[in-house]
Protein backbone atom coordinates (compact mmCIF):
# COMPACT_ATOMS: atom_id res chain seq x y z
CA PRO A 1 -35.09 4.52 0.94
CA ASN A 2 -33.94 5.08 4.45
CA LYS A 3 -32.38 1.65 5.49
CA MET A 4 -32.44 2.76 9.03
CA ALA A 5 -36.10 2.98 9.16
CA SER A 6 -36.82 -0.16 7.35
CA PHE A 7 -38.18 -2.19 10.29
CA THR A 8 -41.72 -3.39 9.59
CA PHE A 9 -44.02 -4.88 12.26
CA SER A 10 -47.09 -7.20 11.64
CA ARG A 11 -49.94 -6.94 14.12
CA SER A 12 -48.68 -9.92 16.19
CA SER A 13 -45.38 -8.23 16.73
CA VAL A 14 -46.81 -4.89 17.73
CA MET A 15 -47.21 -6.50 21.23
CA LEU A 16 -43.46 -6.89 21.23
CA LEU A 17 -42.69 -3.24 20.37
CA PRO A 18 -41.87 -1.94 23.83
CA LEU A 19 -39.51 -4.89 24.29
CA VAL A 20 -37.96 -4.29 21.05
CA LEU A 21 -37.42 -0.50 21.77
CA VAL A 22 -35.84 -1.35 25.18
CA THR A 23 -33.65 -3.90 23.47
CA TYR A 24 -32.40 -1.25 20.86
CA LEU A 25 -32.30 2.02 22.65
CA VAL A 26 -29.16 1.21 24.79
CA ALA A 27 -25.75 2.59 24.29
CA ALA A 28 -23.71 -0.53 24.47
CA THR A 29 -20.46 -0.32 26.31
CA SER A 30 -18.33 -3.54 26.83
CA ALA A 31 -15.03 -3.59 28.51
CA GLY A 32 -12.69 -6.32 28.56
CA ASN A 33 -14.33 -9.67 29.20
CA PHE A 34 -14.02 -11.78 26.12
CA TYR A 35 -16.52 -14.41 27.27
CA GLN A 36 -19.14 -11.57 27.70
CA ASP A 37 -18.26 -9.79 24.45
CA ILE A 38 -17.04 -12.10 21.80
CA ASP A 39 -17.83 -15.33 20.09
CA VAL A 40 -15.02 -17.39 18.66
CA THR A 41 -16.64 -18.31 15.37
CA TRP A 42 -14.19 -20.55 13.46
CA GLY A 43 -10.90 -22.39 13.63
CA ASP A 44 -11.82 -25.52 15.44
CA GLN A 45 -10.29 -24.71 18.90
CA ARG A 46 -7.50 -22.57 17.36
CA GLY A 47 -9.19 -19.52 18.86
CA LYS A 48 -8.84 -19.59 22.72
CA ILE A 49 -10.18 -17.36 25.46
CA LEU A 50 -7.85 -17.60 28.47
CA ASN A 51 -7.27 -16.04 31.98
CA GLY A 52 -10.85 -15.95 32.90
CA GLY A 53 -11.80 -13.87 29.70
CA GLN A 54 -8.95 -11.36 29.93
CA LEU A 55 -6.95 -12.81 27.02
CA LEU A 56 -7.73 -14.11 23.53
CA THR A 57 -5.40 -15.96 21.27
CA LEU A 58 -5.91 -16.96 17.49
CA SER A 59 -3.58 -19.15 15.85
CA LEU A 60 -2.88 -20.48 12.43
CA ASP A 61 -1.43 -23.69 11.05
CA LYS A 62 -1.35 -25.29 7.56
CA PHE A 63 -4.73 -26.75 8.16
CA SER A 64 -6.72 -23.67 9.30
CA GLY A 65 -6.69 -20.09 10.72
CA SER A 66 -9.16 -18.83 13.24
CA GLY A 67 -11.44 -15.92 13.99
CA PHE A 68 -14.07 -14.22 16.26
CA GLN A 69 -16.77 -11.60 16.21
CA SER A 70 -18.39 -9.38 18.70
CA LYS A 71 -21.81 -10.45 20.09
CA THR A 72 -23.03 -6.89 19.65
CA GLU A 73 -23.39 -4.88 16.37
CA TYR A 74 -23.15 -1.18 16.27
CA LEU A 75 -24.19 1.76 14.25
CA PHE A 76 -21.31 4.21 15.07
CA ALA A 77 -18.80 3.28 17.76
CA ARG A 78 -15.31 3.61 19.22
CA ILE A 79 -13.57 0.28 19.21
CA ASP A 80 -10.30 -0.23 20.98
CA MET A 81 -8.27 -3.49 21.09
CA GLN A 82 -4.79 -4.35 22.30
CA LEU A 83 -2.95 -6.79 19.90
CA LYS A 84 0.46 -8.43 19.96
CA LEU A 85 1.09 -9.67 16.48
CA VAL A 86 2.64 -12.98 15.30
CA PRO A 87 6.34 -12.74 16.21
CA ASP A 88 9.56 -13.73 14.19
CA ASN A 89 8.90 -14.95 10.67
CA SER A 90 5.31 -13.95 9.97
CA ALA A 91 5.58 -13.85 6.18
CA GLY A 92 2.33 -14.90 4.53
CA THR A 93 0.16 -14.39 7.43
CA VAL A 94 -2.56 -11.72 7.86
CA THR A 95 -4.07 -10.66 11.13
CA THR A 96 -7.22 -8.69 10.73
CA PHE A 97 -9.19 -6.42 13.05
CA TYR A 98 -12.24 -4.76 11.42
CA LEU A 99 -15.83 -3.64 11.44
CA SER A 100 -18.23 -5.01 8.91
CA SER A 101 -21.90 -5.26 8.00
CA GLN A 102 -23.39 -8.28 6.36
CA GLY A 103 -24.90 -9.07 2.97
CA PRO A 104 -24.51 -7.50 -0.50
CA GLY A 105 -23.41 -3.89 -0.59
CA HIS A 106 -21.73 -4.24 2.83
CA ASP A 107 -19.84 -1.59 4.70
CA GLU A 108 -16.54 -2.21 6.32
CA ILE A 109 -13.55 -0.40 8.10
CA ASP A 110 -10.36 -2.41 8.12
CA PHE A 111 -7.11 -2.90 9.86
CA GLU A 112 -5.09 -5.69 8.33
CA PHE A 113 -1.64 -6.58 9.48
CA LEU A 114 0.49 -8.21 6.81
CA GLY A 115 3.28 -10.29 8.18
CA ASN A 116 6.95 -10.29 6.90
CA SER A 117 10.09 -12.37 7.31
CA SER A 118 12.03 -11.97 10.54
CA GLY A 119 13.52 -8.47 11.03
CA ASN A 120 11.33 -6.82 8.35
CA PRO A 121 8.49 -4.60 9.27
CA TYR A 122 4.81 -5.39 9.40
CA THR A 123 2.56 -3.66 6.96
CA VAL A 124 -0.52 -2.05 8.44
CA HIS A 125 -3.14 -2.02 5.67
CA THR A 126 -6.34 0.22 6.06
CA ASN A 127 -9.38 0.39 3.89
CA VAL A 128 -13.02 1.73 4.00
CA TYR A 129 -15.93 0.08 2.15
CA ALA A 130 -19.19 1.75 1.67
CA GLN A 131 -22.11 0.03 -0.13
CA GLY A 132 -19.80 -2.77 -1.21
CA LYS A 133 -17.09 -0.56 -2.77
CA GLY A 134 -13.59 -0.26 -1.30
CA ASN A 135 -10.42 0.70 -3.16
CA LYS A 136 -9.49 3.20 -0.54
CA GLU A 137 -6.31 1.67 0.73
CA GLN A 138 -3.63 3.34 2.71
CA GLN A 139 -0.67 1.40 4.08
CA PHE A 140 1.79 2.15 6.86
CA HIS A 141 4.82 0.73 8.76
CA LEU A 142 4.88 1.26 12.42
CA TRP A 143 7.32 3.16 14.66
CA PHE A 144 7.76 0.18 17.05
CA ASP A 145 7.79 -3.60 16.93
CA PRO A 146 4.26 -4.73 17.05
CA THR A 147 5.21 -8.25 18.03
CA ALA A 148 7.23 -7.37 21.16
CA ALA A 149 4.42 -6.03 23.24
CA PHE A 150 0.71 -5.22 23.27
CA HIS A 151 -0.28 -2.01 21.38
CA THR A 152 -3.77 -0.36 21.17
CA TYR A 153 -5.45 -0.19 17.69
CA SER A 154 -8.66 1.94 17.61
CA ILE A 155 -11.44 2.70 15.13
CA VAL A 156 -13.59 5.78 15.83
CA TRP A 157 -16.61 5.77 13.53
CA ASN A 158 -19.04 8.66 13.78
CA PRO A 159 -21.41 10.30 11.22
CA GLN A 160 -18.74 12.83 10.25
CA ARG A 161 -15.53 10.78 9.96
CA ILE A 162 -13.63 7.52 10.58
CA ILE A 163 -10.45 7.84 12.47
CA PHE A 164 -7.75 5.08 12.61
CA LEU A 165 -5.58 5.21 15.73
CA VAL A 166 -2.53 3.36 16.85
CA ASP A 167 -1.61 3.85 20.55
CA ASN A 168 -4.02 6.87 20.35
CA SER A 169 -2.00 8.39 17.47
CA PRO A 170 -4.13 9.02 14.41
CA ILE A 171 -2.78 7.46 11.41
CA ARG A 172 -5.65 8.06 8.92
CA VAL A 173 -8.93 10.11 8.82
CA PHE A 174 -11.65 9.38 6.25
CA GLN A 175 -14.18 12.18 6.27
CA ASN A 176 -17.72 11.87 5.31
CA SER A 177 -17.86 13.38 1.71
CA GLU A 178 -21.33 12.51 0.88
CA ALA A 179 -21.90 16.06 -0.13
CA ILE A 180 -19.67 15.46 -3.22
CA GLY A 181 -21.19 12.02 -3.94
CA VAL A 182 -18.76 9.85 -2.02
CA PRO A 183 -20.65 6.91 -0.20
CA PHE A 184 -20.02 6.78 3.53
CA PRO A 185 -20.86 3.90 6.00
CA LYS A 186 -23.72 5.20 8.08
CA SER A 187 -26.88 3.05 7.79
CA GLN A 188 -25.74 -0.55 8.16
CA PRO A 189 -24.83 -1.81 11.70
CA MET A 190 -21.44 -3.48 11.96
CA ARG A 191 -19.91 -6.18 14.14
CA VAL A 192 -16.34 -6.35 15.19
CA TYR A 193 -14.35 -9.13 13.59
CA SER A 194 -10.86 -10.53 13.91
CA SER A 195 -9.03 -13.30 12.06
CA LEU A 196 -5.68 -14.79 11.55
CA TRP A 197 -5.24 -16.56 8.19
CA ASN A 198 -2.81 -17.55 5.48
CA ALA A 199 -2.72 -15.17 2.51
CA ASP A 200 0.77 -16.02 1.15
CA ASP A 201 -0.61 -15.71 -2.37
CA TRP A 202 -0.46 -11.84 -1.92
CA ALA A 203 0.35 -10.72 1.64
CA THR A 204 4.09 -10.53 1.74
CA GLN A 205 5.97 -8.59 -1.10
CA GLY A 206 3.00 -9.38 -3.47
CA GLY A 207 3.13 -13.13 -2.73
CA ARG A 208 6.77 -13.63 -3.39
CA VAL A 209 7.50 -14.59 0.22
CA LYS A 210 5.64 -17.69 1.28
CA THR A 211 4.54 -19.04 4.70
CA ASP A 212 7.13 -21.19 6.34
CA TRP A 213 4.97 -23.91 7.96
CA THR A 214 7.92 -25.22 9.88
CA LYS A 215 7.27 -22.18 12.16
CA ALA A 216 3.58 -23.01 12.70
CA PRO A 217 1.46 -22.59 14.68
CA PHE A 218 1.47 -18.69 14.26
CA THR A 219 -0.29 -16.90 17.18
CA ALA A 220 -1.67 -13.43 17.63
CA SER A 221 -2.79 -12.34 21.16
CA TYR A 222 -5.54 -9.95 22.12
CA ARG A 223 -6.54 -8.14 25.37
CA ASN A 224 -8.40 -4.98 26.74
CA TYR A 225 -11.35 -5.04 24.22
CA ASN A 226 -13.32 -1.95 24.68
CA ALA A 227 -16.44 -1.13 22.70
CA ASN A 228 -18.41 2.07 23.11
CA GLY A 229 -21.16 2.44 20.59
CA CYS A 230 -24.74 2.90 19.53
CA VAL A 231 -27.02 0.14 18.79
CA LYS A 232 -29.47 0.18 15.85
CA SER A 233 -33.14 1.07 16.65
CA SER A 234 -36.21 1.29 14.44
CA ALA A 235 -35.71 5.11 14.34
CA GLY A 236 -32.08 4.94 13.50
CA SER A 237 -29.12 4.84 15.82
CA SER A 238 -29.63 5.44 19.44
CA CYS A 239 -27.34 6.11 22.25
CA ALA A 240 -28.36 6.59 25.77
CA SER A 241 -26.00 9.03 27.38
CA GLY A 242 -23.19 7.42 29.18
CA ASN A 243 -21.99 7.96 32.63
CA SER A 244 -19.51 10.49 31.89
CA VAL A 245 -19.19 12.99 29.09
CA ASN A 246 -15.88 11.31 27.92
CA ASP A 247 -17.79 8.03 27.22
CA GLN A 248 -19.64 9.82 24.39
CA ALA A 249 -16.83 12.07 23.13
CA TRP A 250 -16.19 9.68 20.22
CA GLN A 251 -19.55 10.65 18.73
CA THR A 252 -18.20 14.03 17.55
CA GLN A 253 -14.53 13.27 17.77
CA GLU A 254 -12.29 15.17 15.30
CA LEU A 255 -8.57 15.97 15.28
CA ASP A 256 -7.37 18.97 17.21
CA SER A 257 -4.15 20.84 16.16
CA ALA A 258 -1.97 18.39 18.06
CA GLY A 259 -3.81 15.42 16.35
CA ARG A 260 -3.38 16.99 12.97
CA ASN A 261 0.47 17.51 13.65
CA ARG A 262 0.68 13.89 14.73
CA LEU A 263 -1.28 12.70 11.73
CA ARG A 264 1.18 14.59 9.38
CA TRP A 265 4.19 13.12 11.18
CA VAL A 266 2.87 9.58 10.79
CA GLN A 267 1.89 10.06 7.21
CA SER A 268 5.13 11.72 6.14
CA LYS A 269 7.32 9.10 7.94
CA PHE A 270 5.53 5.80 7.83
CA MET A 271 2.85 5.81 5.03
CA ILE A 272 4.15 3.51 2.14
CA TYR A 273 0.95 3.55 -0.02
CA ASN A 274 -1.92 6.13 -0.55
CA TYR A 275 -4.60 5.35 -3.02
CA CYS A 276 -5.03 9.16 -3.35
CA THR A 277 -1.59 9.57 -4.98
CA ASP A 278 -1.76 6.52 -7.28
CA LEU A 279 -2.27 8.23 -10.63
CA LYS A 280 -1.64 4.89 -12.59
CA ARG A 281 -4.52 3.25 -10.88
CA PHE A 282 -6.98 6.00 -11.62
CA PRO A 283 -6.23 7.14 -15.20
CA GLN A 284 -9.60 8.93 -15.32
CA GLY A 285 -8.68 11.08 -12.38
CA LEU A 286 -8.37 10.54 -8.63
CA PRO A 287 -11.36 9.77 -6.57
CA ALA A 288 -13.43 12.90 -5.47
CA GLU A 289 -12.53 12.77 -1.82
CA CYS A 290 -8.76 12.87 -2.72
CA LYS A 291 -9.05 16.29 -4.14
CA ARG A 292 -10.23 17.94 -0.91
């Protein structure tokens, strides 16, 4: 069944139909005020919106981490966020920035930043889930210190592909390979989520390096959130045309030759794990999309 068309209306709700359509047929664009765009959802005051909505911080101590989510859910979008990660000894901590739907068989597009002991690089962990199945991890180090300044992390999610970008450099592209039987997230709307939490059972060197609570609280900072996306409607996903062509460029975005060169550079120099080369993990043969 087509999940996108699964809205049903009783007679009493037919009166509401024009309002529902008006609500759903907008292209939602939000830029930069956390009060308007974000709800801090957990952490008991450890998540804070500051500077009139221009800055957001999440913190973690031995009692709890914290997290937030977007007020809007999207069916295809480009999401940009500037992050400054937990500085100094961040071992055991994980800072996440991801898109996810809800419920069983969920879809998800992940950035996770795995902390490390002082002076060692963060690990950027990426994954894509479709219909509840992930196992598509690629991991990277960065070509800069992500704790010294803000850097921009972006997810482009359109019907053809998912592109992970760091400071507008593509680090990973996950193509829609439904034609060869690979599920692709395309029918479940997703919210933007972020969290800072303790995962010292696995995050740093497989769990060998634990969180040093004498360094708590650990804090990650966020600014310049920008979401440009389509909102689910009864007929599918709808986007009104934006004010400029550029607003909507993400809907068909792909890599040009310069982007492909940059992607090769990042992957050859900074990729530290790729599920598509992990033969031990897939003794029956690599996943179908890896052979393309």
